[in-house]
C-alpha atoms as a PDB file:
ATOM      1  CA  MET A   1      88.073  -6.480 121.915  1.00  0.00           C
ATOM      2  CA  PHE A   2      85.564  -4.614 124.031  1.00  0.00           C
ATOM      3  CA  ARG A   3      84.102  -1.593 122.255  1.00  0.00           C
ATOM      4  CA  VAL A   4      82.271   1.072 124.240  1.00  0.00           C
ATOM      5  CA  VAL A   5      80.304   3.665 122.332  1.00  0.00           C
ATOM      6  CA  PHE A   6      79.346   6.844 124.272  1.00  0.00           C
ATOM      7  CA  LEU A   7      76.098   8.490 123.311  1.00  0.00           C
ATOM      8  CA  SER A   8      76.198  12.159 124.101  1.00  0.00           C
ATOM      9  CA  GLY A   9      74.324  15.362 123.482  1.00  0.00           C
ATOM     10  CA  SER A  10      77.592  16.937 122.465  1.00  0.00           C
ATOM     11  CA  ALA A  11      81.367  16.326 122.265  1.00  0.00           C
ATOM     12  CA  TYR A  12      81.615  18.343 125.433  1.00  0.00           C
ATOM     13  CA  SER A  13      80.134  15.691 127.691  1.00  0.00           C
ATOM     14  CA  VAL A  14      81.916  15.754 131.054  1.00  0.00           C
ATOM     15  CA  GLN A  15      80.001  12.633 132.100  1.00  0.00           C
ATOM     16  CA  ALA A  16      81.404  10.605 129.199  1.00  0.00           C
ATOM     17  CA  ALA A  17      84.941  11.730 129.965  1.00  0.00           C
ATOM     18  CA  ARG A  18      84.445  10.720 133.632  1.00  0.00           C
ATOM     19  CA  VAL A  19      83.173   7.265 132.647  1.00  0.00           C
ATOM     20  CA  TYR A  20      86.078   6.850 130.246  1.00  0.00           C
ATOM     21  CA  GLN A  21      88.552   7.698 133.018  1.00  0.00           C
ATOM     22  CA  ARG A  22      87.119   4.896 135.163  1.00  0.00           C
ATOM     23  CA  ILE A  23      87.203   2.185 132.440  1.00  0.00           C
ATOM     24  CA  ARG A  24      90.243   3.164 130.398  1.00  0.00           C
ATOM     25  CA  HIS A  25      92.375   0.404 131.918  1.00  0.00           C
ATOM     26  CA  ILE A  26      90.214  -2.454 130.618  1.00  0.00           C
ATOM     27  CA  GLU A  27      92.245  -4.712 128.387  1.00  0.00           C
ATOM     28  CA  ASP A  28      91.505  -4.554 124.658  1.00  0.00           C
ATOM     29  CA  LEU A  29      89.173  -1.582 125.183  1.00  0.00           C
ATOM     30  CA  THR A  30      88.321   0.719 122.250  1.00  0.00           C
ATOM     31  CA  CYS A  31      86.079   3.675 122.557  1.00  0.00           C
ATOM     32  CA  ALA A  32      84.027   5.786 120.243  1.00  0.00           C
ATOM     33  CA  ALA A  33      81.420   8.490 120.726  1.00  0.00           C
ATOM     34  CA  ILE A  34      78.302   9.348 118.765  1.00  0.00           C
ATOM     35  CA  VAL A  35      77.432  12.959 119.482  1.00  0.00           C
ATOM     36  CA  ASN A  36      74.760  15.335 118.277  1.00  0.00           C
ATOM     37  CA  GLU A  37      75.895  18.296 116.127  1.00  0.00           C
ATOM     38  CA  ILE A  38      75.880  21.645 117.897  1.00  0.00           C
ATOM     39  CA  THR A  39      73.447  23.838 116.121  1.00  0.00           C
ATOM     40  CA  GLY A  40      71.791  27.177 116.916  1.00  0.00           C
ATOM     41  CA  LYS A  41      68.597  25.222 117.736  1.00  0.00           C
ATOM     42  CA  ARG A  42      70.446  22.987 120.258  1.00  0.00           C
ATOM     43  CA  ILE A  43      71.995  26.094 121.842  1.00  0.00           C
ATOM     44  CA  LEU A  44      68.573  27.622 122.237  1.00  0.00           C
ATOM     45  CA  GLN A  45      67.320  24.401 123.730  1.00  0.00           C
ATOM     46  CA  ALA A  46      70.212  24.142 126.156  1.00  0.00           C
ATOM     47  CA  GLY A  47      70.042  27.879 126.999  1.00  0.00           C
ATOM     48  CA  ALA A  48      72.673  30.558 127.040  1.00  0.00           C
ATOM     49  CA  ARG A  49      73.574  29.846 130.717  1.00  0.00           C
ATOM     50  CA  SER A  50      74.603  26.312 129.792  1.00  0.00           C
ATOM     51  CA  VAL A  51      76.845  27.512 126.910  1.00  0.00           C
ATOM     52  CA  VAL A  52      78.445  30.198 129.103  1.00  0.00           C
ATOM     53  CA  GLY A  53      78.901  27.692 131.934  1.00  0.00           C
ATOM     54  CA  ARG A  54      80.835  25.329 129.649  1.00  0.00           C
ATOM     55  CA  ILE A  55      83.085  28.163 128.534  1.00  0.00           C
ATOM     56  CA  LEU A  56      83.751  29.195 132.118  1.00  0.00           C
ATOM     57  CA  THR A  57      84.414  25.538 133.151  1.00  0.00           C
ATOM     58  CA  GLU A  58      86.896  25.227 130.257  1.00  0.00           C
ATOM     59  CA  SER A  59      88.883  28.363 131.160  1.00  0.00           C
ATOM     60  CA  GLY A  60      88.739  27.787 134.837  1.00  0.00           C
ATOM     61  CA  ARG A  61      88.554  30.462 137.543  1.00  0.00           C
ATOM     62  CA  HIS A  62      91.374  32.975 137.703  1.00  0.00           C
ATOM     63  CA  GLY A  63      92.815  31.658 134.439  1.00  0.00           C
ATOM     64  CA  GLU A  64      94.179  28.374 135.809  1.00  0.00           C
ATOM     65  CA  THR A  65      94.433  25.437 133.331  1.00  0.00           C
ATOM     66  CA  LYS A  66      92.068  22.569 134.056  1.00  0.00           C
ATOM     67  CA  ASP A  67      92.352  18.898 133.293  1.00  0.00           C
ATOM     68  CA  PRO A  68      90.722  18.577 129.761  1.00  0.00           C
ATOM     69  CA  THR A  69      88.945  15.384 130.757  1.00  0.00           C
ATOM     70  CA  ARG A  70      87.128  17.183 133.550  1.00  0.00           C
ATOM     71  CA  CYS A  71      86.228  20.396 131.690  1.00  0.00           C
ATOM     72  CA  GLY A  72      83.106  21.082 129.774  1.00  0.00           C
ATOM     73  CA  ILE A  73      84.279  22.258 126.343  1.00  0.00           C
ATOM     74  CA  SER A  74      87.113  19.748 125.698  1.00  0.00           C
ATOM     75  CA  SER A  75      85.879  16.822 127.684  1.00  0.00           C
ATOM     76  CA  LEU A  76      85.665  14.187 124.806  1.00  0.00           C
ATOM     77  CA  ARG A  77      87.731  16.184 122.301  1.00  0.00           C
ATOM     78  CA  GLY A  78      90.555  16.110 124.902  1.00  0.00           C
ATOM     79  CA  ILE A  79      90.772  12.359 124.846  1.00  0.00           C
ATOM     80  CA  PRO A  80      92.521  11.142 121.687  1.00  0.00           C
ATOM     81  CA  GLU A  81      91.645   7.472 122.384  1.00  0.00           C
ATOM     82  CA  ILE A  82      87.955   8.222 121.743  1.00  0.00           C
ATOM     83  CA  GLN A  83      86.895   8.407 118.040  1.00  0.00           C
ATOM     84  CA  ILE A  84      84.193  11.111 117.874  1.00  0.00           C
ATOM     85  CA  HIS A  85      81.447  10.786 115.215  1.00  0.00           C
ATOM     86  CA  THR A  86      79.001  13.689 114.863  1.00  0.00           C
ATOM     87  CA  VAL A  87      75.473  13.117 113.695  1.00  0.00           C
ATOM     88  CA  SER A  88      72.402  15.416 113.257  1.00  0.00           C
ATOM     89  CA  SER A  89      70.459  13.335 115.816  1.00  0.00           C
ATOM     90  CA  ILE A  90      71.204  10.365 117.949  1.00  0.00           C
ATOM     91  CA  GLY A  91      68.665   7.762 117.056  1.00  0.00           C
ATOM     92  CA  SER A  92      68.327   8.894 113.412  1.00  0.00           C
ATOM     93  CA  ASN A  93      68.828   6.473 110.541  1.00  0.00           C
ATOM     94  CA  GLU A  94      72.337   7.991 110.087  1.00  0.00           C
ATOM     95  CA  SER A  95      73.295   7.115 113.726  1.00  0.00           C
ATOM     96  CA  VAL A  96      71.720   3.601 113.468  1.00  0.00           C
ATOM     97  CA  ASP A  97      73.941   2.891 110.423  1.00  0.00           C
ATOM     98  CA  LEU A  98      77.004   4.316 112.205  1.00  0.00           C
ATOM     99  CA  LEU A  99      76.374   2.265 115.379  1.00  0.00           C
ATOM    100  CA  ARG A 100      76.065  -0.805 113.202  1.00  0.00           C
ATOM    101  CA  LYS A 101      79.472  -0.080 111.657  1.00  0.00           C
ATOM    102  CA  LEU A 102      81.065   0.635 115.044  1.00  0.00           C
ATOM    103  CA  ASP A 103      79.924  -2.822 116.272  1.00  0.00           C
ATOM    104  CA  ALA A 104      79.448  -1.718 119.896  1.00  0.00           C
ATOM    105  CA  SER A 105      79.847  -4.173 122.749  1.00  0.00           C
ATOM    106  CA  VAL A 106      77.845  -1.749 124.896  1.00  0.00           C
ATOM    107  CA  CYS A 107      76.654   1.905 124.690  1.00  0.00           C
ATOM    108  CA  VAL A 108      76.809   4.413 127.469  1.00  0.00           C
ATOM    109  CA  ASN A 109      74.198   7.142 127.391  1.00  0.00           C
ATOM    110  CA  THR A 110      75.663  10.306 129.038  1.00  0.00           C
ATOM    111  CA  GLY A 111      72.660  12.531 128.329  1.00  0.00           C
ATOM    112  CA  GLY A 112      71.154  14.730 125.703  1.00  0.00           C
ATOM    113  CA  CYS A 113      70.292  11.892 123.290  1.00  0.00           C
ATOM    114  CA  GLY A 114      66.557  11.960 123.453  1.00  0.00           C
ATOM    115  CA  ILE A 115      64.504   8.813 123.426  1.00  0.00           C
ATOM    116  CA  LEU A 116      66.367   5.928 121.791  1.00  0.00           C
ATOM    117  CA  ARG A 117      64.138   3.856 119.476  1.00  0.00           C
ATOM    118  CA  ALA A 118      64.078   0.040 119.004  1.00  0.00           C
ATOM    119  CA  ASP A 119      66.023   0.074 115.691  1.00  0.00           C
ATOM    120  CA  PHE A 120      68.835   1.998 117.385  1.00  0.00           C
ATOM    121  CA  LEU A 121      68.848  -0.218 120.537  1.00  0.00           C
ATOM    122  CA  LYS A 122      69.094  -3.390 118.376  1.00  0.00           C
ATOM    123  CA  GLN A 123      72.532  -2.147 117.286  1.00  0.00           C
ATOM    124  CA  ALA A 124      73.752  -1.354 120.894  1.00  0.00           C
ATOM    125  CA  GLY A 125      75.475  -4.661 121.581  1.00  0.00           C
ATOM    126  CA  MET A 126      74.675  -5.837 125.080  1.00  0.00           C
ATOM    127  CA  GLY A 127      72.515  -2.751 125.547  1.00  0.00           C
ATOM    128  CA  VAL A 128      72.683   0.870 126.761  1.00  0.00           C
ATOM    129  CA  LEU A 129      73.899   1.871 130.193  1.00  0.00           C
ATOM    130  CA  ASN A 130      72.273   5.047 131.363  1.00  0.00           C
ATOM    131  CA  CYS A 131      74.578   7.155 133.499  1.00  0.00           C
ATOM    132  CA  HIS A 132      72.857  10.531 133.445  1.00  0.00           C
ATOM    133  CA  SER A 133      70.290  11.947 135.740  1.00  0.00           C
ATOM    134  CA  GLY A 134      67.645  12.802 133.132  1.00  0.00           C
END
């Protein structure tokens, strides 16, 4: 079994959904995601424009329905094959314990995770693939 664990700033990560679409045909693939909780503080950090942009991306222009794997709001939540685990902070002791339990083959950082410390990286299987532009 090959287990990919996505690391994302939120369950709305379009980038993680796009990566999943490219790898979903791998035999014996299982996927999970560790995502940061969405809090008022995180919304303030991201900015109101970002939140409004996600909502507009979700609803589409002129009311058309969009593919949930390519939309902001429901990107990961729209993929039932990905188990989503919410933590207060990626890299915290809570997330290190969770990553240990998930037994990742590899992690994919899709952004918004902050700096990943050595104790977290030790649990990341073969390592962490960085696929965001930060």
